[in-house]
Amino acid sequence: LIFDQENACRSQMASAFAQYLTGDKLEIYGAGSQPAAKIDRQTVKVMREKGIDISFLKPKSVGQASIHGKLDLAITFESGNIAGIDSKTPVERWSLPAAADGSLESLRVLRDNIETRVIKLINTIR
């Protein structure tokens, strides 16, 4: 599970990179505590620059993420607990604030930081 407040930017990027890089080897779920109505359009644009189309995805809550069974890991960009997941699930906190100004350049920096973290995480679980 990859979690942030709106499930419209950071968690969508992280989920998309993880799915893209692992194919069908992992089940990846993205969710938010207060899901937005749609994915941020600038986020869609910067992910497309990496060859990943997320324009069809919709922000979800943990309840809507269709999580089946036990989670092996939850990654969050938020502080505090993730409502709706088992307290025994390991949680990794990624301290990457949202792109404050929403500019393409700040989103690119955020995207690249997330991609690097996802790659490192995948390499540790392989």
C-alpha atoms as a PDB file:
ATOM      1  CA  LEU A   1       0.000   0.000   0.000  1.00  0.00           C
ATOM      2  CA  ILE A   2       1.300   3.445  -0.905  1.00  0.00           C
ATOM      3  CA  PHE A   3      -0.559   6.133   0.997  1.00  0.00           C
ATOM      4  CA  ASP A   4      -0.878   9.907   1.137  1.00  0.00           C
ATOM      5  CA  GLN A   5      -3.648  12.355   1.852  1.00  0.00           C
ATOM      6  CA  GLU A   6      -5.277  12.875  -1.550  1.00  0.00           C
ATOM      7  CA  ASN A   7      -3.901   9.909  -3.538  1.00  0.00           C
ATOM      8  CA  ALA A   8      -3.584  12.371  -6.422  1.00  0.00           C
ATOM      9  CA  CYS A   9       0.175  12.957  -6.762  1.00  0.00           C
ATOM     10  CA  ARG A  10       2.945  11.341  -4.659  1.00  0.00           C
ATOM     11  CA  SER A  11       1.238   8.021  -3.967  1.00  0.00           C
ATOM     12  CA  GLN A  12       0.078   7.785  -7.575  1.00  0.00           C
ATOM     13  CA  MET A  13       3.632   8.358  -8.816  1.00  0.00           C
ATOM     14  CA  ALA A  14       5.088   5.808  -6.390  1.00  0.00           C
ATOM     15  CA  SER A  15       2.428   3.212  -7.214  1.00  0.00           C
ATOM     16  CA  ALA A  16       2.897   3.712 -10.935  1.00  0.00           C
ATOM     17  CA  PHE A  17       6.689   3.388 -10.745  1.00  0.00           C
ATOM     18  CA  ALA A  18       6.426   0.268  -8.567  1.00  0.00           C
ATOM     19  CA  GLN A  19       3.928  -1.377 -10.916  1.00  0.00           C
ATOM     20  CA  TYR A  20       5.882  -0.363 -14.013  1.00  0.00           C
ATOM     21  CA  LEU A  21       9.182  -1.657 -12.629  1.00  0.00           C
ATOM     22  CA  THR A  22       7.864  -4.947 -11.207  1.00  0.00           C
ATOM     23  CA  GLY A  23       5.157  -5.842 -13.698  1.00  0.00           C
ATOM     24  CA  ASP A  24       2.929  -8.519 -12.229  1.00  0.00           C
ATOM     25  CA  LYS A  25       5.420  -9.602  -9.548  1.00  0.00           C
ATOM     26  CA  LEU A  26       3.895  -7.352  -6.862  1.00  0.00           C
ATOM     27  CA  GLU A  27       0.399  -6.168  -6.078  1.00  0.00           C
ATOM     28  CA  ILE A  28       0.551  -2.423  -5.568  1.00  0.00           C
ATOM     29  CA  TYR A  29      -2.275  -0.414  -4.000  1.00  0.00           C
ATOM     30  CA  GLY A  30      -2.465   3.357  -3.724  1.00  0.00           C
ATOM     31  CA  ALA A  31      -4.829   5.112  -1.340  1.00  0.00           C
ATOM     32  CA  GLY A  32      -5.463   8.371   0.484  1.00  0.00           C
ATOM     33  CA  SER A  33      -7.030   9.513   3.730  1.00  0.00           C
ATOM     34  CA  GLN A  34      -9.033  12.177   1.876  1.00  0.00           C
ATOM     35  CA  PRO A  35      -8.983  11.142  -1.803  1.00  0.00           C
ATOM     36  CA  ALA A  36      -9.175  13.943  -4.339  1.00  0.00           C
ATOM     37  CA  ALA A  37     -11.770  13.918  -7.109  1.00  0.00           C
ATOM     38  CA  LYS A  38      -9.082  13.221  -9.728  1.00  0.00           C
ATOM     39  CA  ILE A  39      -5.354  12.851 -10.214  1.00  0.00           C
ATOM     40  CA  ASP A  40      -3.440  16.096 -10.481  1.00  0.00           C
ATOM     41  CA  ARG A  41      -3.085  16.888 -14.208  1.00  0.00           C
ATOM     42  CA  GLN A  42       0.488  18.169 -13.807  1.00  0.00           C
ATOM     43  CA  THR A  43       1.372  14.837 -12.177  1.00  0.00           C
ATOM     44  CA  VAL A  44      -0.055  13.032 -15.203  1.00  0.00           C
ATOM     45  CA  LYS A  45       2.106  15.228 -17.429  1.00  0.00           C
ATOM     46  CA  VAL A  46       5.410  14.592 -15.583  1.00  0.00           C
ATOM     47  CA  MET A  47       4.761  10.844 -15.403  1.00  0.00           C
ATOM     48  CA  ARG A  48       4.088  10.791 -19.138  1.00  0.00           C
ATOM     49  CA  GLU A  49       7.578  12.245 -19.580  1.00  0.00           C
ATOM     50  CA  LYS A  50       8.833   8.953 -18.079  1.00  0.00           C
ATOM     51  CA  GLY A  51       6.662   6.927 -20.450  1.00  0.00           C
ATOM     52  CA  ILE A  52       4.052   6.057 -17.805  1.00  0.00           C
ATOM     53  CA  ASP A  53       0.390   6.946 -18.385  1.00  0.00           C
ATOM     54  CA  ILE A  54      -1.588   7.430 -15.166  1.00  0.00           C
ATOM     55  CA  SER A  55      -4.353   9.553 -16.712  1.00  0.00           C
ATOM     56  CA  PHE A  56      -6.934   6.768 -16.359  1.00  0.00           C
ATOM     57  CA  LEU A  57      -6.348   6.188 -12.619  1.00  0.00           C
ATOM     58  CA  LYS A  58      -8.704   7.465  -9.929  1.00  0.00           C
ATOM     59  CA  PRO A  59      -7.785   8.448  -6.348  1.00  0.00           C
ATOM     60  CA  LYS A  60      -9.040   5.945  -3.778  1.00  0.00           C
ATOM     61  CA  SER A  61      -9.449   5.587  -0.043  1.00  0.00           C
ATOM     62  CA  VAL A  62      -7.962   2.592   1.774  1.00  0.00           C
ATOM     63  CA  GLY A  63     -11.431   1.026   1.737  1.00  0.00           C
ATOM     64  CA  GLN A  64     -11.733   1.516  -2.023  1.00  0.00           C
ATOM     65  CA  ALA A  65      -8.267   0.146  -2.808  1.00  0.00           C
ATOM     66  CA  SER A  66      -9.550  -3.454  -2.924  1.00  0.00           C
ATOM     67  CA  ILE A  67      -6.794  -4.716  -0.656  1.00  0.00           C
ATOM     68  CA  HIS A  68      -7.034  -8.478  -0.283  1.00  0.00           C
ATOM     69  CA  GLY A  69      -5.264 -10.246   2.537  1.00  0.00           C
ATOM     70  CA  LYS A  70      -2.284  -9.167   4.590  1.00  0.00           C
ATOM     71  CA  LEU A  71      -0.138  -6.262   3.473  1.00  0.00           C
ATOM     72  CA  ASP A  72       3.606  -6.871   3.461  1.00  0.00           C
ATOM     73  CA  LEU A  73       4.434  -3.156   3.680  1.00  0.00           C
ATOM     74  CA  ALA A  74       2.750   0.235   3.766  1.00  0.00           C
ATOM     75  CA  ILE A  75       4.568   3.323   2.544  1.00  0.00           C
ATOM     76  CA  THR A  76       3.217   6.673   3.606  1.00  0.00           C
ATOM     77  CA  PHE A  77       3.987  10.299   2.871  1.00  0.00           C
ATOM     78  CA  GLU A  78       1.824  11.276   5.863  1.00  0.00           C
ATOM     79  CA  SER A  79       2.567  11.378   9.577  1.00  0.00           C
ATOM     80  CA  GLY A  80       0.430   9.384  11.974  1.00  0.00           C
ATOM     81  CA  ASN A  81      -1.326   6.074  11.527  1.00  0.00           C
ATOM     82  CA  ILE A  82      -2.959   4.836   8.364  1.00  0.00           C
ATOM     83  CA  ALA A  83      -6.607   4.214   9.177  1.00  0.00           C
ATOM     84  CA  GLY A  84      -7.937   0.933   7.893  1.00  0.00           C
ATOM     85  CA  ILE A  85      -4.774  -1.189   7.887  1.00  0.00           C
ATOM     86  CA  ASP A  86      -3.642  -3.814  10.356  1.00  0.00           C
ATOM     87  CA  SER A  87      -1.425  -2.403  13.101  1.00  0.00           C
ATOM     88  CA  LYS A  88       0.999  -5.305  12.461  1.00  0.00           C
ATOM     89  CA  THR A  89       1.725  -4.080   8.932  1.00  0.00           C
ATOM     90  CA  PRO A  90       5.218  -2.571   8.719  1.00  0.00           C
ATOM     91  CA  VAL A  91       5.080   1.115   7.785  1.00  0.00           C
ATOM     92  CA  GLU A  92       7.858   2.993   6.007  1.00  0.00           C
ATOM     93  CA  ARG A  93       7.571   6.796   6.072  1.00  0.00           C
ATOM     94  CA  TRP A  94       8.926   8.687   3.092  1.00  0.00           C
ATOM     95  CA  SER A  95       9.510  12.292   4.076  1.00  0.00           C
ATOM     96  CA  LEU A  96       8.908  13.919   0.716  1.00  0.00           C
ATOM     97  CA  PRO A  97       6.611  16.927   0.958  1.00  0.00           C
ATOM     98  CA  ALA A  98       4.172  17.677  -1.816  1.00  0.00           C
ATOM     99  CA  ALA A  99       5.427  20.058  -4.492  1.00  0.00           C
ATOM    100  CA  ALA A 100       4.424  23.314  -2.810  1.00  0.00           C
ATOM    101  CA  ASP A 101       4.246  25.523  -5.865  1.00  0.00           C
ATOM    102  CA  GLY A 102       2.871  22.809  -8.185  1.00  0.00           C
ATOM    103  CA  SER A 103       5.251  23.844 -10.952  1.00  0.00           C
ATOM    104  CA  LEU A 104       6.360  21.263 -13.483  1.00  0.00           C
ATOM    105  CA  GLU A 105       9.962  21.651 -12.344  1.00  0.00           C
ATOM    106  CA  SER A 106       9.168  20.983  -8.679  1.00  0.00           C
ATOM    107  CA  LEU A 107       6.994  18.026  -9.688  1.00  0.00           C
ATOM    108  CA  ARG A 108       9.856  16.641 -11.787  1.00  0.00           C
ATOM    109  CA  VAL A 109      12.190  16.823  -8.791  1.00  0.00           C
ATOM    110  CA  LEU A 110       9.580  15.116  -6.622  1.00  0.00           C
ATOM    111  CA  ARG A 111       8.946  12.472  -9.301  1.00  0.00           C
ATOM    112  CA  ASP A 112      12.646  11.697  -9.637  1.00  0.00           C
ATOM    113  CA  ASN A 113      13.052  11.420  -5.848  1.00  0.00           C
ATOM    114  CA  ILE A 114      10.107   9.032  -5.694  1.00  0.00           C
ATOM    115  CA  GLU A 115      11.459   6.965  -8.587  1.00  0.00           C
ATOM    116  CA  THR A 116      14.832   6.628  -6.818  1.00  0.00           C
ATOM    117  CA  ARG A 117      13.156   5.509  -3.586  1.00  0.00           C
ATOM    118  CA  VAL A 118      10.963   2.990  -5.395  1.00  0.00           C
ATOM    119  CA  ILE A 119      13.992   1.516  -7.168  1.00  0.00           C
ATOM    120  CA  LYS A 120      15.880   1.209  -3.862  1.00  0.00           C
ATOM    121  CA  LEU A 121      12.879  -0.437  -2.224  1.00  0.00           C
ATOM    122  CA  ILE A 122      12.449  -2.918  -5.075  1.00  0.00           C
ATOM    123  CA  ASN A 123      16.156  -3.807  -4.927  1.00  0.00           C
ATOM    124  CA  THR A 124      15.871  -4.578  -1.204  1.00  0.00           C
ATOM    125  CA  ILE A 125      12.948  -6.979  -1.654  1.00  0.00           C
ATOM    126  CA  ARG A 126      14.221  -8.886  -4.690  1.00  0.00           C
END
